[in-house]
C-alpha atoms as a PDB file:
ATOM      1  CA  MET A   1     -10.128   6.975  -2.874  1.00  0.00           C
ATOM      2  CA  THR A   2     -10.271   3.550  -1.236  1.00  0.00           C
ATOM      3  CA  HIS A   3      -7.419   2.214   0.638  1.00  0.00           C
ATOM      4  CA  ALA A   4      -7.394  -1.645  -0.016  1.00  0.00           C
ATOM      5  CA  PRO A   5      -5.342  -4.711  -0.726  1.00  0.00           C
ATOM      6  CA  VAL A   6      -4.400  -4.952  -4.833  1.00  0.00           C
ATOM      7  CA  GLU A   7      -5.818  -8.322  -4.945  1.00  0.00           C
ATOM      8  CA  ALA A   8      -9.196  -6.888  -3.897  1.00  0.00           C
ATOM      9  CA  LEU A   9      -9.195  -4.265  -6.143  1.00  0.00           C
ATOM     10  CA  HIS A  10      -8.300  -6.582  -9.317  1.00  0.00           C
ATOM     11  CA  ASP A  11     -10.983  -9.191  -8.200  1.00  0.00           C
ATOM     12  CA  LEU A  12     -13.711  -6.258  -8.015  1.00  0.00           C
ATOM     13  CA  ALA A  13     -12.484  -4.656 -11.417  1.00  0.00           C
ATOM     14  CA  HIS A  14     -12.852  -8.069 -13.176  1.00  0.00           C
ATOM     15  CA  SER A  15     -16.143  -8.932 -11.729  1.00  0.00           C
ATOM     16  CA  HIS A  16     -17.944  -5.629 -12.223  1.00  0.00           C
ATOM     17  CA  LEU A  17     -15.962  -4.041 -14.940  1.00  0.00           C
ATOM     18  CA  PRO A  18     -15.692  -4.770 -18.985  1.00  0.00           C
ATOM     19  CA  PRO A  19     -12.239  -6.185 -19.469  1.00  0.00           C
ATOM     20  CA  ASP A  20     -11.106  -2.721 -21.442  1.00  0.00           C
ATOM     21  CA  ASP A  21     -12.378  -0.988 -18.664  1.00  0.00           C
ATOM     22  CA  ALA A  22     -10.657  -2.977 -15.857  1.00  0.00           C
ATOM     23  CA  ALA A  23      -7.428  -3.159 -17.237  1.00  0.00           C
ATOM     24  CA  ARG A  24      -7.694   0.879 -17.564  1.00  0.00           C
ATOM     25  CA  TRP A  25      -8.973   1.439 -13.844  1.00  0.00           C
ATOM     26  CA  ILE A  26      -6.483  -1.228 -12.484  1.00  0.00           C
ATOM     27  CA  GLY A  27      -3.413   0.770 -14.087  1.00  0.00           C
ATOM     28  CA  LEU A  28      -4.437   3.719 -12.161  1.00  0.00           C
ATOM     29  CA  LEU A  29      -3.797   1.794  -9.064  1.00  0.00           C
ATOM     30  CA  THR A  30      -1.107   3.613  -6.861  1.00  0.00           C
ATOM     31  CA  PRO A  31       0.262   2.461  -3.744  1.00  0.00           C
ATOM     32  CA  GLY A  32       0.129   4.524  -0.542  1.00  0.00           C
ATOM     33  CA  LEU A  33       0.290   4.341   3.471  1.00  0.00           C
ATOM     34  CA  ARG A  34      -3.029   5.169   5.565  1.00  0.00           C
ATOM     35  CA  LEU A  35      -1.641   6.725   8.758  1.00  0.00           C
ATOM     36  CA  ALA A  36      -4.228   5.470  11.127  1.00  0.00           C
ATOM     37  CA  HIS A  37      -4.539   6.220  15.271  1.00  0.00           C
ATOM     38  CA  ALA A  38      -1.592   3.581  16.456  1.00  0.00           C
ATOM     39  CA  GLY A  39      -3.964   1.914  18.937  1.00  0.00           C
ATOM     40  CA  GLY A  40      -1.077  -0.038  20.205  1.00  0.00           C
ATOM     41  CA  GLY A  41       0.349  -1.082  16.730  1.00  0.00           C
ATOM     42  CA  PRO A  42       3.925   0.204  15.836  1.00  0.00           C
ATOM     43  CA  VAL A  43       4.084   3.529  15.757  1.00  0.00           C
ATOM     44  CA  ALA A  44       5.395   5.878  12.501  1.00  0.00           C
ATOM     45  CA  GLY A  45       4.513   9.226  13.308  1.00  0.00           C
ATOM     46  CA  ARG A  46       2.353  11.456  15.562  1.00  0.00           C
ATOM     47  CA  LEU A  47       0.034  14.510  14.763  1.00  0.00           C
ATOM     48  CA  GLY A  48       0.957  17.256  16.817  1.00  0.00           C
ATOM     49  CA  GLY A  49       3.360  17.779  19.888  1.00  0.00           C
ATOM     50  CA  LEU A  50       6.559  19.497  19.685  1.00  0.00           C
ATOM     51  CA  PRO A  51       9.397  19.173  17.235  1.00  0.00           C
ATOM     52  CA  ASP A  52      12.668  17.807  17.492  1.00  0.00           C
ATOM     53  CA  LEU A  53      14.776  20.559  15.287  1.00  0.00           C
ATOM     54  CA  PRO A  54      17.875  21.149  14.530  1.00  0.00           C
ATOM     55  CA  LEU A  55      20.287  22.909  16.979  1.00  0.00           C
ATOM     56  CA  ASP A  56      21.060  25.751  14.841  1.00  0.00           C
ATOM     57  CA  LEU A  57      17.574  25.857  13.601  1.00  0.00           C
ATOM     58  CA  PRO A  58      14.516  28.529  15.157  1.00  0.00           C
ATOM     59  CA  TRP A  59      10.920  27.602  15.352  1.00  0.00           C
ATOM     60  CA  PRO A  60       9.678  28.203  11.467  1.00  0.00           C
ATOM     61  CA  VAL A  61       7.643  31.629  11.085  1.00  0.00           C
ATOM     62  CA  TRP A  62       5.967  33.288   7.965  1.00  0.00           C
ATOM     63  CA  GLU A  63       7.941  36.220   8.190  1.00  0.00           C
ATOM     64  CA  GLY A  64       5.332  38.934   9.081  1.00  0.00           C
ATOM     65  CA  TYR A  65       2.547  36.819  10.448  1.00  0.00           C
ATOM     66  CA  GLY A  66       3.947  34.457  12.854  1.00  0.00           C
ATOM     67  CA  PRO A  67       4.899  30.908  13.821  1.00  0.00           C
ATOM     68  CA  LEU A  68       3.897  27.623  12.224  1.00  0.00           C
ATOM     69  CA  SER A  69       2.210  25.100  13.804  1.00  0.00           C
ATOM     70  CA  LEU A  70       3.211  21.538  13.912  1.00  0.00           C
ATOM     71  CA  ILE A  71       0.666  19.521  12.536  1.00  0.00           C
ATOM     72  CA  ALA A  72       2.700  15.885  11.949  1.00  0.00           C
ATOM     73  CA  SER A  73       6.183  14.376  12.389  1.00  0.00           C
ATOM     74  CA  LEU A  74       6.622  11.122  10.877  1.00  0.00           C
ATOM     75  CA  ASP A  75       9.609   8.704  10.951  1.00  0.00           C
ATOM     76  CA  CYS A  76      11.109   7.891   7.510  1.00  0.00           C
ATOM     77  CA  ALA A  77      12.558   4.547   8.695  1.00  0.00           C
ATOM     78  CA  ALA A  78       9.466   3.194  10.025  1.00  0.00           C
ATOM     79  CA  LEU A  79       7.441   4.300   7.026  1.00  0.00           C
ATOM     80  CA  THR A  80      10.064   2.563   4.855  1.00  0.00           C
ATOM     81  CA  ALA A  81       9.055  -0.687   6.972  1.00  0.00           C
ATOM     82  CA  ALA A  82       5.338  -0.445   6.770  1.00  0.00           C
ATOM     83  CA  GLY A  83       5.544  -0.893   3.094  1.00  0.00           C
ATOM     84  CA  ASN A  84       5.722   0.680  -0.331  1.00  0.00           C
ATOM     85  CA  CYS A  85       3.853   4.052  -0.536  1.00  0.00           C
ATOM     86  CA  GLY A  86       4.692   5.256  -4.070  1.00  0.00           C
ATOM     87  CA  LEU A  87       7.049   7.410  -2.636  1.00  0.00           C
ATOM     88  CA  ALA A  88      11.255   8.114  -3.077  1.00  0.00           C
ATOM     89  CA  LEU A  89      11.289   9.283   0.468  1.00  0.00           C
ATOM     90  CA  PRO A  90      14.606   9.083   2.637  1.00  0.00           C
ATOM     91  CA  ASP A  91      14.805   5.933   4.411  1.00  0.00           C
ATOM     92  CA  SER A  92      15.732   7.562   7.526  1.00  0.00           C
ATOM     93  CA  GLY A  93      15.266  10.730   9.364  1.00  0.00           C
ATOM     94  CA  THR A  94      12.379  12.847  10.324  1.00  0.00           C
ATOM     95  CA  LEU A  95       9.529  14.746   8.101  1.00  0.00           C
ATOM     96  CA  LEU A  96       7.951  17.397   9.772  1.00  0.00           C
ATOM     97  CA  PHE A  97       4.476  19.386   8.421  1.00  0.00           C
ATOM     98  CA  PHE A  98       4.302  22.737   9.471  1.00  0.00           C
ATOM     99  CA  LEU A  99       1.269  25.402   8.989  1.00  0.00           C
ATOM    100  CA  HIS A 100       0.187  28.771   9.775  1.00  0.00           C
ATOM    101  CA  ASP A 101      -3.188  27.416  10.627  1.00  0.00           C
ATOM    102  CA  GLY A 102      -5.378  30.845  11.504  1.00  0.00           C
ATOM    103  CA  ARG A 103      -4.763  30.524  14.890  1.00  0.00           C
ATOM    104  CA  PRO A 104      -2.665  33.367  16.004  1.00  0.00           C
ATOM    105  CA  ASP A 105      -4.623  35.779  13.790  1.00  0.00           C
ATOM    106  CA  GLY A 106      -8.025  34.598  14.023  1.00  0.00           C
ATOM    107  CA  GLY A 107      -7.921  33.097  10.578  1.00  0.00           C
ATOM    108  CA  ASP A 108      -7.154  36.510   9.192  1.00  0.00           C
ATOM    109  CA  SER A 109      -4.299  35.089   6.799  1.00  0.00           C
ATOM    110  CA  LEU A 110      -4.501  31.488   5.670  1.00  0.00           C
ATOM    111  CA  VAL A 111      -2.484  29.658   3.188  1.00  0.00           C
ATOM    112  CA  HIS A 112      -4.139  29.203  -0.046  1.00  0.00           C
ATOM    113  CA  ALA A 113      -2.435  27.422  -3.172  1.00  0.00           C
ATOM    114  CA  SER A 114      -4.323  30.394  -5.477  1.00  0.00           C
ATOM    115  CA  ASP A 115      -1.875  33.111  -3.873  1.00  0.00           C
ATOM    116  CA  PRO A 116       1.899  32.326  -3.704  1.00  0.00           C
ATOM    117  CA  GLY A 117       2.570  35.137  -1.726  1.00  0.00           C
ATOM    118  CA  THR A 118       1.044  32.616   0.817  1.00  0.00           C
ATOM    119  CA  ARG A 119       3.485  29.848   0.482  1.00  0.00           C
ATOM    120  CA  PRO A 120       6.090  30.452   3.586  1.00  0.00           C
ATOM    121  CA  GLY A 121       2.701  29.760   5.815  1.00  0.00           C
ATOM    122  CA  ALA A 122       3.088  25.749   4.970  1.00  0.00           C
ATOM    123  CA  ARG A 123       6.536  24.150   5.074  1.00  0.00           C
ATOM    124  CA  VAL A 124       8.037  20.448   5.039  1.00  0.00           C
ATOM    125  CA  LEU A 125      11.167  19.788   6.698  1.00  0.00           C
ATOM    126  CA  HIS A 126      13.374  16.666   6.369  1.00  0.00           C
ATOM    127  CA  VAL A 127      15.565  16.078   9.742  1.00  0.00           C
ATOM    128  CA  PRO A 128      17.866  13.758   8.678  1.00  0.00           C
ATOM    129  CA  ALA A 129      18.876  10.712  11.045  1.00  0.00           C
ATOM    130  CA  GLY A 130      21.823  11.418  13.222  1.00  0.00           C
ATOM    131  CA  THR A 131      21.349  15.443  13.298  1.00  0.00           C
ATOM    132  CA  PRO A 132      21.771  16.817  16.721  1.00  0.00           C
ATOM    133  CA  THR A 133      18.671  18.381  17.462  1.00  0.00           C
ATOM    134  CA  ARG A 134      16.707  19.721  20.879  1.00  0.00           C
ATOM    135  CA  THR A 135      12.768  19.668  21.299  1.00  0.00           C
ATOM    136  CA  LEU A 136      11.622  23.314  21.212  1.00  0.00           C
ATOM    137  CA  PRO A 137       8.900  24.809  23.434  1.00  0.00           C
ATOM    138  CA  ALA A 138       5.950  25.754  21.622  1.00  0.00           C
ATOM    139  CA  PRO A 139       5.836  30.120  20.792  1.00  0.00           C
ATOM    140  CA  PRO A 140       3.843  31.925  23.252  1.00  0.00           C
ATOM    141  CA  GLY A 141      -0.231  31.985  22.482  1.00  0.00           C
ATOM    142  CA  LEU A 142       0.140  29.005  20.197  1.00  0.00           C
ATOM    143  CA  PRO A 143      -0.124  25.891  22.091  1.00  0.00           C
ATOM    144  CA  PRO A 144       0.719  22.629  20.342  1.00  0.00           C
ATOM    145  CA  TYR A 145      -1.895  20.139  19.259  1.00  0.00           C
ATOM    146  CA  PRO A 146      -2.605  17.104  21.349  1.00  0.00           C
ATOM    147  CA  GLU A 147      -0.178  14.252  20.335  1.00  0.00           C
ATOM    148  CA  VAL A 148      -1.758  11.584  18.568  1.00  0.00           C
ATOM    149  CA  PRO A 149       0.490   8.452  17.573  1.00  0.00           C
ATOM    150  CA  LEU A 150       0.236   6.873  14.097  1.00  0.00           C
ATOM    151  CA  THR A 151       0.708   3.849  12.648  1.00  0.00           C
ATOM    152  CA  ALA A 152       1.365   3.124   8.354  1.00  0.00           C
ATOM    153  CA  GLN A 153      -0.763   0.383   6.845  1.00  0.00           C
ATOM    154  CA  ALA A 154       0.069  -0.342   3.302  1.00  0.00           C
ATOM    155  CA  GLY A 155      -2.625  -0.792   0.701  1.00  0.00           C
ATOM    156  CA  MET A 156      -3.282   0.320  -2.774  1.00  0.00           C
ATOM    157  CA  THR A 157      -5.316   3.664  -3.344  1.00  0.00           C
ATOM    158  CA  VAL A 158      -8.066   4.672  -5.650  1.00  0.00           C
ATOM    159  CA  PRO A 159      -8.305   7.932  -7.933  1.00  0.00           C
ATOM    160  CA  ALA A 160     -11.316   9.907  -7.292  1.00  0.00           C
ATOM    161  CA  TYR A 161     -13.504  10.335 -10.481  1.00  0.00           C
ATOM    162  CA  ASP A 162     -12.240  13.597 -11.582  1.00  0.00           C
ATOM    163  CA  ALA A 163      -8.422  13.355 -11.269  1.00  0.00           C
ATOM    164  CA  PRO A 164      -6.480  14.002 -13.831  1.00  0.00           C
ATOM    165  CA  VAL A 165      -5.095  10.356 -14.566  1.00  0.00           C
ATOM    166  CA  VAL A 166      -8.964   9.340 -14.808  1.00  0.00           C
ATOM    167  CA  ARG A 167      -9.629  11.878 -17.267  1.00  0.00           C
ATOM    168  CA  ALA A 168      -6.152  11.173 -19.227  1.00  0.00           C
ATOM    169  CA  ALA A 169      -7.151   7.346 -19.199  1.00  0.00           C
ATOM    170  CA  PHE A 170     -11.165   7.316 -19.912  1.00  0.00           C
ATOM    171  CA  GLY A 171     -10.593  10.405 -22.503  1.00  0.00           C
ATOM    172  CA  GLU A 172     -13.697  12.687 -23.741  1.00  0.00           C
ATOM    173  CA  VAL A 173     -16.484  10.742 -22.072  1.00  0.00           C
ATOM    174  CA  VAL A 174     -15.482  12.029 -18.575  1.00  0.00           C
ATOM    175  CA  ASP A 175     -16.435  15.636 -19.994  1.00  0.00           C
ATOM    176  CA  SER A 176     -19.691  14.010 -21.448  1.00  0.00           C
ATOM    177  CA  ARG A 177     -23.425  13.175 -20.243  1.00  0.00           C
ATOM    178  CA  GLN A 178     -22.109   9.800 -20.723  1.00  0.00           C
ATOM    179  CA  TRP A 179     -19.592   9.708 -17.960  1.00  0.00           C
ATOM    180  CA  ARG A 180     -22.494   9.741 -15.308  1.00  0.00           C
ATOM    181  CA  HIS A 181     -23.418   6.255 -16.348  1.00  0.00           C
ATOM    182  CA  HIS A 182     -20.209   4.757 -17.412  1.00  0.00           C
ATOM    183  CA  PRO A 183     -19.287   1.480 -15.865  1.00  0.00           C
ATOM    184  CA  VAL A 184     -16.710   3.165 -13.464  1.00  0.00           C
ATOM    185  CA  ASN A 185     -19.345   4.821 -11.984  1.00  0.00           C
ATOM    186  CA  ALA A 186     -22.247   2.431 -11.835  1.00  0.00           C
ATOM    187  CA  ARG A 187     -23.764   2.081  -8.253  1.00  0.00           C
ATOM    188  CA  ALA A 188     -22.896  -1.060  -7.950  1.00  0.00           C
ATOM    189  CA  PHE A 189     -19.585  -1.028  -8.602  1.00  0.00           C
ATOM    190  CA  THR A 190     -18.940   2.280  -6.322  1.00  0.00           C
ATOM    191  CA  THR A 191     -20.622   0.471  -3.556  1.00  0.00           C
ATOM    192  CA  ALA A 192     -18.638  -2.640  -3.810  1.00  0.00           C
ATOM    193  CA  LEU A 193     -15.463  -0.439  -4.130  1.00  0.00           C
ATOM    194  CA  SER A 194     -16.491   1.374  -0.847  1.00  0.00           C
ATOM    195  CA  ALA A 195     -16.790  -1.878   1.047  1.00  0.00           C
ATOM    196  CA  LEU A 196     -13.224  -2.861   0.503  1.00  0.00           C
ATOM    197  CA  ASP A 197     -12.039  -0.069   1.978  1.00  0.00           C
ATOM    198  CA  SER A 198      -9.688  -1.188   4.822  1.00  0.00           C
ATOM    199  CA  ALA A 199     -10.954   1.635   7.276  1.00  0.00           C
ATOM    200  CA  PRO A 200     -14.360   3.161   5.910  1.00  0.00           C
ATOM    201  CA  GLY A 201     -15.653   6.322   7.651  1.00  0.00           C
ATOM    202  CA  ASP A 202     -11.895   6.815   9.538  1.00  0.00           C
ATOM    203  CA  VAL A 203     -10.090  10.111   9.348  1.00  0.00           C
ATOM    204  CA  ARG A 204      -8.343  10.197   6.061  1.00  0.00           C
ATOM    205  CA  HIS A 205      -4.478  10.700   6.975  1.00  0.00           C
ATOM    206  CA  ARG A 206      -2.463   9.265   4.214  1.00  0.00           C
ATOM    207  CA  LEU A 207       1.081   9.305   2.677  1.00  0.00           C
ATOM    208  CA  GLY A 208       1.362   8.592  -0.964  1.00  0.00           C
ATOM    209  CA  GLY A 209      -0.824   7.453  -2.969  1.00  0.00           C
ATOM    210  CA  HIS A 210      -3.836   9.199  -4.488  1.00  0.00           C
ATOM    211  CA  PRO A 211      -5.235  12.331  -2.525  1.00  0.00           C
ATOM    212  CA  VAL A 212      -8.933  12.208  -0.914  1.00  0.00           C
ATOM    213  CA  PRO A 213     -10.514  15.198  -2.190  1.00  0.00           C
ATOM    214  CA  VAL A 214     -12.999  17.393  -0.346  1.00  0.00           C
ATOM    215  CA  GLN A 215     -13.755  19.779  -3.403  1.00  0.00           C
ATOM    216  CA  GLY A 216     -12.356  18.870  -6.574  1.00  0.00           C
ATOM    217  CA  ALA A 217      -8.959  17.348  -7.748  1.00  0.00           C
ATOM    218  CA  VAL A 218      -6.349  18.517  -5.594  1.00  0.00           C
ATOM    219  CA  GLU A 219      -3.578  17.940  -8.629  1.00  0.00           C
ATOM    220  CA  ARG A 220      -5.453  20.757 -10.769  1.00  0.00           C
ATOM    221  CA  GLU A 221      -5.857  22.988  -7.587  1.00  0.00           C
ATOM    222  CA  ILE A 222      -2.021  22.825  -7.306  1.00  0.00           C
ATOM    223  CA  ALA A 223      -1.325  22.521 -10.819  1.00  0.00           C
ATOM    224  CA  HIS A 224      -3.411  25.817 -11.621  1.00  0.00           C
ATOM    225  CA  ALA A 225      -1.320  27.564  -8.587  1.00  0.00           C
ATOM    226  CA  ALA A 226       1.511  26.800 -10.803  1.00  0.00           C
ATOM    227  CA  LEU A 227       0.985  27.973 -14.250  1.00  0.00           C
ATOM    228  CA  GLY A 228      -0.099  31.518 -12.483  1.00  0.00           C
ATOM    229  CA  PRO A 229      -2.791  33.841 -12.215  1.00  0.00           C
ATOM    230  CA  GLY A 230      -5.100  34.301 -15.481  1.00  0.00           C
ATOM    231  CA  VAL A 231      -4.764  30.938 -16.438  1.00  0.00           C
ATOM    232  CA  SER A 232      -8.554  29.114 -17.461  1.00  0.00           C
ATOM    233  CA  TRP A 233      -9.490  26.414 -15.721  1.00  0.00           C
ATOM    234  CA  ASN A 234     -10.270  24.882 -19.181  1.00  0.00           C
ATOM    235  CA  ASP A 235      -6.771  25.240 -20.215  1.00  0.00           C
ATOM    236  CA  PRO A 236      -5.402  22.065 -21.667  1.00  0.00           C
ATOM    237  CA  ARG A 237      -1.791  22.686 -19.913  1.00  0.00           C
ATOM    238  CA  LEU A 238      -3.647  22.232 -16.492  1.00  0.00           C
ATOM    239  CA  ASP A 239      -4.111  18.509 -16.890  1.00  0.00           C
ATOM    240  CA  GLU A 240      -0.225  18.246 -18.127  1.00  0.00           C
ATOM    241  CA  GLU A 241       0.878  20.149 -15.098  1.00  0.00           C
ATOM    242  CA  ALA A 242      -1.473  18.201 -13.076  1.00  0.00           C
ATOM    243  CA  ALA A 243       0.226  15.089 -14.062  1.00  0.00           C
ATOM    244  CA  ARG A 244       3.531  16.560 -12.579  1.00  0.00           C
ATOM    245  CA  TRP A 245       2.326  16.544  -9.055  1.00  0.00           C
ATOM    246  CA  MET A 246       1.992  13.643  -6.356  1.00  0.00           C
ATOM    247  CA  LEU A 247       0.698  13.713  -3.069  1.00  0.00           C
ATOM    248  CA  LEU A 248       3.152  13.894  -0.321  1.00  0.00           C
ATOM    249  CA  ALA A 249       0.852  13.878   2.355  1.00  0.00           C
ATOM    250  CA  GLN A 250      -2.767  14.411   3.652  1.00  0.00           C
ATOM    251  CA  ILE A 251      -3.942  15.267   7.116  1.00  0.00           C
ATOM    252  CA  ASP A 252      -7.680  15.194   8.002  1.00  0.00           C
ATOM    253  CA  THR A 253      -9.598  16.773  10.315  1.00  0.00           C
ATOM    254  CA  ASP A 254      -9.156  14.728  13.444  1.00  0.00           C
ATOM    255  CA  ASP A 255     -10.947  15.292  16.981  1.00  0.00           C
ATOM    256  CA  GLU A 256      -8.137  13.304  19.329  1.00  0.00           C
ATOM    257  CA  ALA A 257      -5.741  15.772  17.796  1.00  0.00           C
ATOM    258  CA  ASP A 258      -8.026  18.652  18.146  1.00  0.00           C
ATOM    259  CA  MET A 259      -7.206  19.250  14.592  1.00  0.00           C
ATOM    260  CA  MET A 260     -10.289  21.159  12.660  1.00  0.00           C
ATOM    261  CA  TRP A 261      -9.338  22.406   9.242  1.00  0.00           C
ATOM    262  CA  GLY A 262     -12.299  24.562   8.209  1.00  0.00           C
ATOM    263  CA  ASP A 263     -15.893  22.751   7.768  1.00  0.00           C
ATOM    264  CA  VAL A 264     -14.427  19.184   8.546  1.00  0.00           C
ATOM    265  CA  GLY A 265     -11.273  19.415   5.677  1.00  0.00           C
ATOM    266  CA  THR A 266      -8.142  18.040   4.832  1.00  0.00           C
ATOM    267  CA  LEU A 267      -4.772  19.645   4.297  1.00  0.00           C
ATOM    268  CA  TYR A 268      -2.556  18.589   1.269  1.00  0.00           C
ATOM    269  CA  TRP A 269       1.070  18.503   0.524  1.00  0.00           C
ATOM    270  CA  LEU A 270       2.029  17.828  -3.252  1.00  0.00           C
ATOM    271  CA  ILE A 271       5.550  17.554  -4.906  1.00  0.00           C
ATOM    272  CA  ARG A 272       7.103  16.563  -7.969  1.00  0.00           C
ATOM    273  CA  PRO A 273       9.074  13.530  -8.214  1.00  0.00           C
ATOM    274  CA  ALA A 274      12.153  15.070  -9.433  1.00  0.00           C
ATOM    275  CA  ASP A 275      12.096  17.746  -6.274  1.00  0.00           C
ATOM    276  CA  LEU A 276      11.146  14.746  -3.902  1.00  0.00           C
ATOM    277  CA  ALA A 277      14.024  12.705  -5.349  1.00  0.00           C
ATOM    278  CA  ALA A 278      16.215  15.570  -4.579  1.00  0.00           C
ATOM    279  CA  GLY A 279      14.990  15.911  -1.412  1.00  0.00           C
ATOM    280  CA  ARG A 280      14.026  19.563  -2.324  1.00  0.00           C
ATOM    281  CA  PHE A 281      10.919  19.330   0.166  1.00  0.00           C
ATOM    282  CA  ASP A 282      10.806  23.060   0.139  1.00  0.00           C
ATOM    283  CA  GLU A 283       9.397  22.769  -3.545  1.00  0.00           C
ATOM    284  CA  ALA A 284       6.077  20.914  -2.060  1.00  0.00           C
ATOM    285  CA  SER A 285       2.756  22.794  -2.666  1.00  0.00           C
ATOM    286  CA  PHE A 286       0.204  22.821   0.276  1.00  0.00           C
ATOM    287  CA  ALA A 287      -3.482  23.357  -0.581  1.00  0.00           C
ATOM    288  CA  TRP A 288      -6.469  22.758   1.802  1.00  0.00           C
ATOM    289  CA  GLN A 289     -10.135  22.099   0.950  1.00  0.00           C
ATOM    290  CA  CYS A 290     -13.171  22.165   3.190  1.00  0.00           C
ATOM    291  CA  CYS A 291     -17.221  21.597   3.112  1.00  0.00           C
END
C-alpha cells in the first residue's frame, strides 16, 4: 500500500527478503499517482467544486433517487505530465467522478458493488479537450463539496497483503498459518516499508496503482459483483476475475473537502484495461469501504 520511489523499494526488498521472495515481491510493484493537496504545487485536478459539462449534458442523476455529487475533476494532460500512473488514460480532457453520496435522502439509497441495481449511482465521465462546456450550478439541496486543488506525484505502489496479485505470486502459503510469519509480513520489513511512504498518515487519494483497502481486497469485491449473485467467496473464478480489474481512482475521506465516507472510509473506481483503452468509462465499477 506504500507509495514510494522504485529504487528505494528495490533496495528494501533485497535487504530484507530472500532473493526469490524479493524478486517475486518486486514484480508486483505498480506505478501510480498520489493525489495530494496542492499547497502551491502544480494543479492536476481538484476535489469538489462545480463541474464543467458539455453544453448538451445535464447534471448526472440516478433516475428515481436524485442528483449525483461531484467528487473530483482531474486534468488528464496534467496527470500525464506528472508521470507514469500505469493507466492508458486519455492524454487530454477532464475526468469527472460523480457519486450519489447519500446526502439527498439521508443515506437511505447508497451505491454498493454487491447490488448491480445501484450502478447508476456512481459515474465517471471523460470530457474531451476542446469540447464546449459550461459550469453548471449545483442542484437545489445538494451543495457542492468545498473545492480542494490537488497535485499529482508519481511513484510505485505496493499491493495489500491480501491482494489477488499477492495470492497469485506467493501461492498456497497465503492461505496457510505460515503466511503470518512469511518474510514479506515480518515486522522488520513492514515497518521499513511504512517508513518509505512518501506521505505517511496523509489522505490516500490515488490514480492508478494498487488500491489501499480499508476492509479486504477491493478487486475481489468488484469481481464478486461482476460474477453475479450466488458466487461463493471461495470460488476459484473470483481471483481470476479480480485480476481483470485495475484501480482507476480512489478518493479518501478528506476533512478539507468536507468529505467523510461512512466511518473514515474510501471510495474506489475500478475498470478493466480494455474498457479503459477504449474510453468506456461508463464500464467502471464502484466500491465503497469504511471502518
